[in-house]
């Protein structure tokens, strides 16, 4: 029995970490399809400011979201050093614009802590948890909440 409990606490997940401004975030590596260099996006009319537009990904139209802007962070104009993390969110492929990819890391669920109560509703909405790794504080992004809720925004 104690071996089963011990095994539950050691459930590892692989995450890909990336930097936006001076903060580090991560997403589950299973949702990442590829990482590509910055490509200028074609803007779409009447989209939220954090939607950079769309790019052509091997014949498919891929929406690109400026993740820093979506999270309410100060962002800079994208350069060739920025990257797009192509992810699957539900049934949709989406590109996430970030400053740089850092690492592939493995953490146990026991290391991931809830966001502090002093955090804003915005943090609670987009961050599933926070953990410390080698002196770095890394926030786990809730990918399912990155896309805009079109019905709520229309109301």
N, C-alpha and C. Protein backbone atom coordinates (compact mmCIF):
# COMPACT_ATOMS: atom_id res chain seq x y z
N UNK A 1 0.82 -1.20 0.00
CA UNK A 1 0.00 0.00 0.00
C UNK A 1 0.86 1.26 0.00
N UNK A 2 1.90 1.30 0.85
CA UNK A 2 2.74 2.48 0.89
C UNK A 2 3.49 2.69 -0.43
N UNK A 3 3.79 1.60 -1.16
CA UNK A 3 4.43 1.74 -2.47
C UNK A 3 3.48 2.42 -3.45
N UNK A 4 2.18 2.11 -3.36
CA UNK A 4 1.21 2.75 -4.25
C UNK A 4 1.11 4.25 -3.96
N UNK A 5 1.06 4.60 -2.71
CA UNK A 5 1.00 6.02 -2.33
C UNK A 5 2.27 6.73 -2.78
N UNK A 6 3.41 6.09 -2.57
CA UNK A 6 4.68 6.68 -2.98
C UNK A 6 4.71 6.88 -4.50
N UNK A 7 4.19 5.92 -5.25
CA UNK A 7 4.16 6.02 -6.71
C UNK A 7 3.26 7.17 -7.16
N UNK A 8 2.13 7.38 -6.46
CA UNK A 8 1.23 8.48 -6.82
C UNK A 8 1.91 9.82 -6.65
N UNK A 9 2.73 9.98 -5.63
CA UNK A 9 3.42 11.25 -5.39
C UNK A 9 4.54 11.49 -6.39
N UNK A 10 4.97 10.44 -7.10
CA UNK A 10 6.08 10.57 -8.03
C UNK A 10 5.61 10.67 -9.48
N UNK A 11 4.31 10.81 -9.72
CA UNK A 11 3.82 10.92 -11.09
C UNK A 11 4.49 12.11 -11.74
N UNK A 12 5.30 11.81 -12.77
CA UNK A 12 6.01 12.88 -13.44
C UNK A 12 5.28 13.32 -14.68
N UNK A 13 5.42 14.58 -14.98
CA UNK A 13 4.92 15.12 -16.25
C UNK A 13 6.05 15.92 -16.87
N UNK A 14 6.12 15.85 -18.20
CA UNK A 14 7.13 16.62 -18.90
C UNK A 14 6.50 17.92 -19.37
N UNK A 15 7.23 19.00 -19.14
CA UNK A 15 6.77 20.33 -19.49
C UNK A 15 7.83 21.01 -20.34
N UNK A 16 7.39 21.90 -21.19
CA UNK A 16 8.33 22.72 -21.94
C UNK A 16 8.25 24.13 -21.36
N UNK A 17 9.39 24.65 -20.95
CA UNK A 17 9.39 25.98 -20.33
C UNK A 17 9.85 27.02 -21.35
N UNK A 18 9.34 28.23 -21.16
CA UNK A 18 9.65 29.32 -22.07
C UNK A 18 9.62 30.62 -21.30
N UNK A 19 10.20 31.64 -21.91
CA UNK A 19 10.32 32.93 -21.26
C UNK A 19 9.46 33.95 -21.99
N UNK A 20 8.79 34.77 -21.19
CA UNK A 20 8.08 35.96 -21.68
C UNK A 20 8.54 37.09 -20.77
N UNK A 21 9.18 38.08 -21.37
CA UNK A 21 9.75 39.18 -20.60
C UNK A 21 10.78 38.57 -19.64
N UNK A 22 10.66 38.85 -18.35
CA UNK A 22 11.61 38.28 -17.40
C UNK A 22 10.99 37.16 -16.57
N UNK A 23 9.87 36.61 -17.04
CA UNK A 23 9.19 35.54 -16.32
C UNK A 23 9.26 34.24 -17.10
N UNK A 24 9.20 33.13 -16.35
CA UNK A 24 9.25 31.82 -16.98
C UNK A 24 7.92 31.10 -16.78
N UNK A 25 7.45 30.48 -17.85
CA UNK A 25 6.19 29.75 -17.86
C UNK A 25 6.44 28.38 -18.47
N UNK A 26 5.43 27.52 -18.41
CA UNK A 26 5.56 26.22 -19.05
C UNK A 26 4.18 25.71 -19.44
N UNK A 27 4.19 24.74 -20.37
CA UNK A 27 2.98 24.03 -20.78
C UNK A 27 3.33 22.55 -20.87
N UNK A 28 2.32 21.71 -20.82
CA UNK A 28 2.52 20.27 -20.95
C UNK A 28 3.08 19.98 -22.34
N UNK A 29 4.15 19.22 -22.39
CA UNK A 29 4.81 18.94 -23.66
C UNK A 29 3.91 18.15 -24.61
N UNK A 30 2.94 17.41 -24.08
CA UNK A 30 2.05 16.62 -24.93
C UNK A 30 1.14 17.50 -25.78
N UNK A 31 0.96 18.76 -25.41
CA UNK A 31 0.13 19.66 -26.20
C UNK A 31 0.94 20.40 -27.27
N UNK A 32 2.27 20.29 -27.22
CA UNK A 32 3.14 21.00 -28.16
C UNK A 32 3.36 20.13 -29.40
N UNK A 33 3.11 20.71 -30.57
CA UNK A 33 3.31 19.99 -31.83
C UNK A 33 4.64 20.33 -32.48
N UNK A 34 5.06 21.61 -32.38
CA UNK A 34 6.35 22.01 -32.91
C UNK A 34 6.70 23.39 -32.38
N UNK A 35 7.97 23.75 -32.56
CA UNK A 35 8.46 25.08 -32.20
C UNK A 35 9.11 25.65 -33.45
N UNK A 36 8.70 26.84 -33.82
CA UNK A 36 9.22 27.44 -35.05
C UNK A 36 9.60 28.90 -34.80
N UNK A 37 10.45 29.41 -35.65
CA UNK A 37 10.86 30.80 -35.54
C UNK A 37 9.70 31.74 -35.85
N UNK A 38 9.88 32.98 -35.44
CA UNK A 38 8.85 34.00 -35.66
C UNK A 38 8.63 34.20 -37.15
N UNK A 39 7.38 34.23 -37.52
CA UNK A 39 6.95 34.55 -38.88
C UNK A 39 5.94 35.67 -38.76
N UNK A 40 6.07 36.69 -39.58
CA UNK A 40 5.11 37.80 -39.53
C UNK A 40 3.70 37.26 -39.77
N UNK A 41 2.78 37.61 -38.90
CA UNK A 41 1.40 37.15 -39.01
C UNK A 41 0.57 38.17 -39.78
N UNK A 42 -0.42 37.68 -40.48
CA UNK A 42 -1.36 38.55 -41.20
C UNK A 42 -2.48 38.91 -40.23
N UNK A 43 -2.64 40.19 -39.91
CA UNK A 43 -3.68 40.59 -38.96
C UNK A 43 -5.08 40.27 -39.47
N UNK A 44 -5.98 40.02 -38.54
CA UNK A 44 -7.39 39.81 -38.85
C UNK A 44 -8.19 40.96 -38.27
N UNK A 45 -9.23 41.42 -38.97
CA UNK A 45 -10.03 42.52 -38.44
C UNK A 45 -10.85 42.11 -37.22
N UNK A 46 -11.05 43.06 -36.33
CA UNK A 46 -11.94 42.91 -35.17
C UNK A 46 -11.58 41.72 -34.27
N UNK A 47 -10.28 41.50 -34.08
CA UNK A 47 -9.84 40.47 -33.16
C UNK A 47 -9.26 41.15 -31.92
N UNK A 48 -9.23 40.45 -30.80
CA UNK A 48 -8.62 41.04 -29.59
C UNK A 48 -7.17 41.42 -29.84
N UNK A 49 -6.66 42.35 -29.08
CA UNK A 49 -5.30 42.87 -29.29
C UNK A 49 -4.23 41.80 -29.12
N UNK A 50 -4.49 40.76 -28.36
CA UNK A 50 -3.48 39.72 -28.15
C UNK A 50 -3.43 38.71 -29.31
N UNK A 51 -4.36 38.79 -30.24
CA UNK A 51 -4.32 37.92 -31.42
C UNK A 51 -3.47 38.63 -32.47
N UNK A 52 -2.29 38.07 -32.74
CA UNK A 52 -1.36 38.68 -33.70
C UNK A 52 -1.84 38.55 -35.13
N UNK A 53 -2.65 37.53 -35.40
CA UNK A 53 -3.14 37.27 -36.75
C UNK A 53 -3.00 35.80 -37.07
N UNK A 54 -2.79 35.49 -38.35
CA UNK A 54 -2.67 34.10 -38.78
C UNK A 54 -1.41 33.95 -39.64
N UNK A 55 -0.87 32.72 -39.64
CA UNK A 55 0.24 32.37 -40.51
C UNK A 55 -0.12 31.10 -41.27
N UNK A 56 0.61 30.84 -42.33
CA UNK A 56 0.43 29.63 -43.12
C UNK A 56 1.38 28.57 -42.55
N UNK A 57 0.81 27.48 -42.06
CA UNK A 57 1.62 26.38 -41.53
C UNK A 57 1.38 25.16 -42.42
N UNK A 58 2.23 24.99 -43.42
CA UNK A 58 2.13 23.88 -44.36
C UNK A 58 0.73 23.76 -44.96
N UNK A 59 0.19 24.90 -45.40
CA UNK A 59 -1.10 24.91 -46.06
C UNK A 59 -2.29 25.11 -45.13
N UNK A 60 -2.07 25.08 -43.83
CA UNK A 60 -3.15 25.30 -42.87
C UNK A 60 -3.03 26.70 -42.28
N UNK A 61 -4.16 27.31 -41.99
CA UNK A 61 -4.18 28.64 -41.37
C UNK A 61 -4.06 28.46 -39.86
N UNK A 62 -3.02 29.06 -39.28
CA UNK A 62 -2.75 28.93 -37.86
C UNK A 62 -2.89 30.28 -37.17
N UNK A 63 -3.84 30.43 -36.23
CA UNK A 63 -3.92 31.69 -35.48
C UNK A 63 -2.74 31.79 -34.53
N UNK A 64 -2.22 33.01 -34.37
CA UNK A 64 -1.08 33.25 -33.48
C UNK A 64 -1.51 34.20 -32.38
N UNK A 65 -1.31 33.75 -31.14
CA UNK A 65 -1.67 34.54 -29.96
C UNK A 65 -0.39 35.01 -29.28
N UNK A 66 -0.31 36.29 -29.00
CA UNK A 66 0.81 36.85 -28.23
C UNK A 66 0.52 36.48 -26.77
N UNK A 67 1.18 35.43 -26.28
CA UNK A 67 0.85 34.91 -24.96
C UNK A 67 1.16 35.93 -23.86
N UNK A 68 2.23 36.69 -24.02
CA UNK A 68 2.54 37.72 -23.02
C UNK A 68 1.43 38.75 -22.92
N UNK A 69 0.95 39.21 -24.05
CA UNK A 69 -0.15 40.16 -24.07
C UNK A 69 -1.42 39.55 -23.47
N UNK A 70 -1.67 38.29 -23.80
CA UNK A 70 -2.86 37.59 -23.26
C UNK A 70 -2.79 37.48 -21.74
N UNK A 71 -1.57 37.32 -21.22
CA UNK A 71 -1.40 37.20 -19.77
C UNK A 71 -1.30 38.55 -19.08
N UNK A 72 -1.38 39.64 -19.86
CA UNK A 72 -1.36 40.97 -19.27
C UNK A 72 0.04 41.48 -18.98
N UNK A 73 1.06 40.91 -19.62
CA UNK A 73 2.43 41.33 -19.41
C UNK A 73 2.85 42.35 -20.46
N UNK A 74 3.86 43.15 -20.13
CA UNK A 74 4.44 44.06 -21.11
C UNK A 74 5.16 43.21 -22.16
N UNK A 75 4.86 43.42 -23.41
CA UNK A 75 5.53 42.67 -24.46
C UNK A 75 6.20 43.63 -25.41
N UNK A 76 7.18 43.11 -26.11
CA UNK A 76 7.88 43.93 -27.09
C UNK A 76 7.49 43.47 -28.49
N UNK A 77 7.85 44.27 -29.45
CA UNK A 77 7.57 43.91 -30.84
C UNK A 77 8.38 42.66 -31.20
N UNK A 78 7.75 41.66 -31.81
CA UNK A 78 8.46 40.42 -32.11
C UNK A 78 9.62 40.63 -33.07
N UNK A 79 10.70 39.89 -32.82
CA UNK A 79 11.88 39.91 -33.69
C UNK A 79 12.17 38.48 -34.11
N UNK A 80 13.21 38.31 -34.90
CA UNK A 80 13.57 36.97 -35.36
C UNK A 80 14.01 36.07 -34.21
N UNK A 81 14.26 36.62 -33.03
CA UNK A 81 14.63 35.81 -31.87
C UNK A 81 13.42 35.22 -31.16
N UNK A 82 12.24 35.74 -31.41
CA UNK A 82 11.02 35.20 -30.81
C UNK A 82 10.67 33.87 -31.48
N UNK A 83 9.86 33.08 -30.79
CA UNK A 83 9.44 31.79 -31.34
C UNK A 83 7.94 31.63 -31.21
N UNK A 84 7.42 30.75 -32.03
CA UNK A 84 6.01 30.38 -31.97
C UNK A 84 5.95 28.92 -31.56
N UNK A 85 5.28 28.66 -30.45
CA UNK A 85 5.06 27.29 -30.00
C UNK A 85 3.72 26.86 -30.55
N UNK A 86 3.73 25.89 -31.45
CA UNK A 86 2.49 25.41 -32.06
C UNK A 86 1.90 24.36 -31.11
N UNK A 87 0.69 24.66 -30.62
CA UNK A 87 0.05 23.78 -29.64
C UNK A 87 -1.34 23.36 -30.12
N UNK A 88 -1.81 22.29 -29.54
CA UNK A 88 -3.19 21.87 -29.75
C UNK A 88 -3.95 22.22 -28.48
N UNK A 89 -4.96 23.07 -28.66
CA UNK A 89 -5.84 23.45 -27.55
C UNK A 89 -7.21 22.92 -27.92
N UNK A 90 -7.64 21.88 -27.25
CA UNK A 90 -8.90 21.22 -27.63
C UNK A 90 -8.74 20.64 -29.02
N UNK A 91 -9.59 21.05 -29.93
CA UNK A 91 -9.55 20.57 -31.31
C UNK A 91 -8.82 21.52 -32.24
N UNK A 92 -8.32 22.64 -31.71
CA UNK A 92 -7.74 23.69 -32.55
C UNK A 92 -6.23 23.77 -32.38
N UNK A 93 -5.54 23.97 -33.49
CA UNK A 93 -4.11 24.24 -33.46
C UNK A 93 -3.93 25.76 -33.32
N UNK A 94 -3.05 26.17 -32.41
CA UNK A 94 -2.84 27.59 -32.13
C UNK A 94 -1.34 27.82 -31.94
N UNK A 95 -0.85 28.92 -32.46
CA UNK A 95 0.53 29.32 -32.23
C UNK A 95 0.61 30.29 -31.07
N UNK A 96 1.54 30.05 -30.16
CA UNK A 96 1.75 30.94 -29.01
C UNK A 96 3.07 31.67 -29.20
N UNK A 97 3.02 32.97 -29.32
CA UNK A 97 4.22 33.78 -29.47
C UNK A 97 4.85 33.99 -28.10
N UNK A 98 6.12 33.59 -27.96
CA UNK A 98 6.88 33.75 -26.71
C UNK A 98 8.26 34.30 -27.04
N UNK A 99 8.97 34.78 -26.03
CA UNK A 99 10.31 35.34 -26.27
C UNK A 99 11.33 34.26 -26.62
N UNK A 100 11.33 33.15 -25.88
CA UNK A 100 12.30 32.08 -26.11
C UNK A 100 11.87 30.82 -25.39
N UNK A 101 12.23 29.69 -25.93
CA UNK A 101 12.02 28.41 -25.26
C UNK A 101 13.25 28.14 -24.41
N UNK A 102 13.04 27.65 -23.19
CA UNK A 102 14.15 27.44 -22.25
C UNK A 102 14.57 25.98 -22.13
N UNK A 103 13.66 25.14 -21.64
CA UNK A 103 14.02 23.76 -21.29
C UNK A 103 12.84 22.82 -21.49
N UNK A 104 13.17 21.55 -21.48
CA UNK A 104 12.17 20.50 -21.27
C UNK A 104 12.46 20.00 -19.87
N UNK A 105 11.44 20.04 -19.02
CA UNK A 105 11.65 19.68 -17.62
C UNK A 105 10.64 18.63 -17.20
N UNK A 106 11.03 17.81 -16.25
CA UNK A 106 10.14 16.81 -15.68
C UNK A 106 9.90 17.17 -14.22
N UNK A 107 8.64 17.27 -13.84
CA UNK A 107 8.30 17.58 -12.45
C UNK A 107 7.21 16.62 -11.99
N UNK A 108 7.16 16.41 -10.70
CA UNK A 108 6.08 15.61 -10.14
C UNK A 108 4.93 16.54 -9.78
N UNK A 109 3.74 15.99 -9.77
CA UNK A 109 2.56 16.79 -9.42
C UNK A 109 2.69 17.36 -8.01
N UNK A 110 3.42 16.67 -7.15
CA UNK A 110 3.58 17.13 -5.77
C UNK A 110 4.35 18.45 -5.69
N UNK A 111 5.18 18.75 -6.68
CA UNK A 111 5.96 19.99 -6.68
C UNK A 111 5.13 21.20 -7.08
N UNK A 112 4.05 20.98 -7.82
CA UNK A 112 3.25 22.09 -8.34
C UNK A 112 2.29 22.57 -7.25
N UNK A 113 2.40 23.84 -6.92
CA UNK A 113 1.57 24.43 -5.86
C UNK A 113 0.52 25.34 -6.49
N UNK A 114 -0.57 25.53 -5.78
CA UNK A 114 -1.63 26.44 -6.23
C UNK A 114 -1.10 27.86 -6.22
N UNK A 115 -1.69 28.71 -7.06
CA UNK A 115 -1.29 30.11 -7.05
C UNK A 115 -1.66 30.72 -5.70
N UNK A 116 -0.86 31.64 -5.20
CA UNK A 116 -1.15 32.24 -3.89
C UNK A 116 -2.48 33.00 -3.90
N UNK A 117 -3.11 33.09 -2.74
CA UNK A 117 -4.38 33.80 -2.61
C UNK A 117 -4.26 35.28 -2.93
N UNK A 118 -3.07 35.84 -2.87
CA UNK A 118 -2.89 37.26 -3.17
C UNK A 118 -2.86 37.52 -4.67
N UNK A 119 -2.86 36.45 -5.46
CA UNK A 119 -2.82 36.60 -6.91
C UNK A 119 -4.15 37.16 -7.41
N UNK A 120 -4.09 37.83 -8.54
CA UNK A 120 -5.29 38.42 -9.12
C UNK A 120 -6.14 37.36 -9.80
N UNK A 121 -7.37 37.73 -10.14
CA UNK A 121 -8.25 36.81 -10.86
C UNK A 121 -7.65 36.43 -12.20
N UNK A 122 -6.92 37.37 -12.82
CA UNK A 122 -6.28 37.10 -14.10
C UNK A 122 -5.27 35.98 -13.97
N UNK A 123 -4.46 36.01 -12.90
CA UNK A 123 -3.48 34.95 -12.67
C UNK A 123 -4.20 33.63 -12.44
N UNK A 124 -5.21 33.64 -11.61
CA UNK A 124 -5.97 32.42 -11.33
C UNK A 124 -6.59 31.85 -12.60
N UNK A 125 -6.96 32.72 -13.51
CA UNK A 125 -7.61 32.27 -14.74
C UNK A 125 -6.64 31.56 -15.69
N UNK A 126 -5.41 32.07 -15.80
CA UNK A 126 -4.47 31.56 -16.80
C UNK A 126 -3.37 30.66 -16.25
N UNK A 127 -3.18 30.61 -14.93
CA UNK A 127 -2.10 29.82 -14.35
C UNK A 127 -2.68 28.70 -13.49
N UNK A 128 -2.30 27.46 -13.82
CA UNK A 128 -2.77 26.29 -13.07
C UNK A 128 -2.03 26.10 -11.76
N UNK A 129 -0.77 26.50 -11.73
CA UNK A 129 0.05 26.32 -10.54
C UNK A 129 1.42 26.89 -10.75
N UNK A 130 2.21 26.90 -9.68
CA UNK A 130 3.56 27.45 -9.70
C UNK A 130 4.48 26.46 -9.00
N UNK A 131 5.69 26.34 -9.51
CA UNK A 131 6.67 25.50 -8.83
C UNK A 131 8.05 26.15 -8.93
N UNK A 132 8.92 25.73 -8.03
CA UNK A 132 10.28 26.22 -8.00
C UNK A 132 11.20 25.11 -8.50
N UNK A 133 12.11 25.48 -9.40
CA UNK A 133 13.05 24.51 -9.93
C UNK A 133 14.39 25.20 -10.10
N UNK A 134 15.40 24.71 -9.40
CA UNK A 134 16.75 25.25 -9.49
C UNK A 134 16.77 26.77 -9.30
N UNK A 135 16.02 27.24 -8.33
CA UNK A 135 15.99 28.66 -8.01
C UNK A 135 15.11 29.51 -8.91
N UNK A 136 14.42 28.89 -9.86
CA UNK A 136 13.53 29.61 -10.77
C UNK A 136 12.08 29.33 -10.37
N UNK A 137 11.26 30.36 -10.43
CA UNK A 137 9.82 30.19 -10.22
C UNK A 137 9.17 30.09 -11.59
N UNK A 138 8.44 28.98 -11.83
CA UNK A 138 7.86 28.72 -13.13
C UNK A 138 6.36 28.54 -12.98
N UNK A 139 5.59 29.22 -13.82
CA UNK A 139 4.13 29.15 -13.78
C UNK A 139 3.64 28.20 -14.86
N UNK A 140 2.74 27.30 -14.49
CA UNK A 140 2.14 26.35 -15.42
C UNK A 140 0.90 27.00 -16.04
N UNK A 141 0.94 27.21 -17.36
CA UNK A 141 -0.14 27.91 -18.07
C UNK A 141 -1.31 26.96 -18.33
N UNK A 142 -2.53 27.45 -18.09
CA UNK A 142 -3.75 26.71 -18.39
C UNK A 142 -4.10 26.96 -19.85
N UNK A 143 -3.62 26.08 -20.74
CA UNK A 143 -3.82 26.28 -22.17
C UNK A 143 -5.29 26.38 -22.56
N UNK A 144 -6.14 25.64 -21.89
CA UNK A 144 -7.56 25.64 -22.24
C UNK A 144 -8.23 26.98 -21.98
N UNK A 145 -7.53 27.88 -21.31
CA UNK A 145 -8.11 29.20 -21.02
C UNK A 145 -7.46 30.32 -21.82
N UNK A 146 -6.53 29.97 -22.69
CA UNK A 146 -5.80 30.98 -23.47
C UNK A 146 -6.67 31.55 -24.58
N UNK A 147 -7.43 30.71 -25.24
CA UNK A 147 -8.28 31.19 -26.32
C UNK A 147 -9.40 32.03 -25.74
N UNK A 148 -9.82 33.07 -26.45
CA UNK A 148 -10.90 33.92 -25.93
C UNK A 148 -12.22 33.16 -25.90
N UNK A 149 -13.00 33.45 -24.89
CA UNK A 149 -14.36 32.92 -24.80
C UNK A 149 -15.23 33.88 -25.60
N UNK A 150 -15.48 33.52 -26.84
CA UNK A 150 -16.17 34.44 -27.75
C UNK A 150 -17.56 34.82 -27.27
N UNK A 151 -18.27 33.89 -26.66
CA UNK A 151 -19.62 34.21 -26.18
C UNK A 151 -19.56 35.24 -25.06
N UNK A 152 -18.59 35.09 -24.15
CA UNK A 152 -18.49 36.03 -23.04
C UNK A 152 -18.06 37.40 -23.52
N UNK A 153 -17.15 37.45 -24.52
CA UNK A 153 -16.68 38.74 -25.02
C UNK A 153 -17.76 39.45 -25.82
N UNK A 154 -18.68 38.71 -26.43
CA UNK A 154 -19.75 39.33 -27.20
C UNK A 154 -20.82 39.94 -26.29
N UNK A 155 -20.93 39.41 -25.08
CA UNK A 155 -21.98 39.86 -24.16
C UNK A 155 -21.71 41.23 -23.59
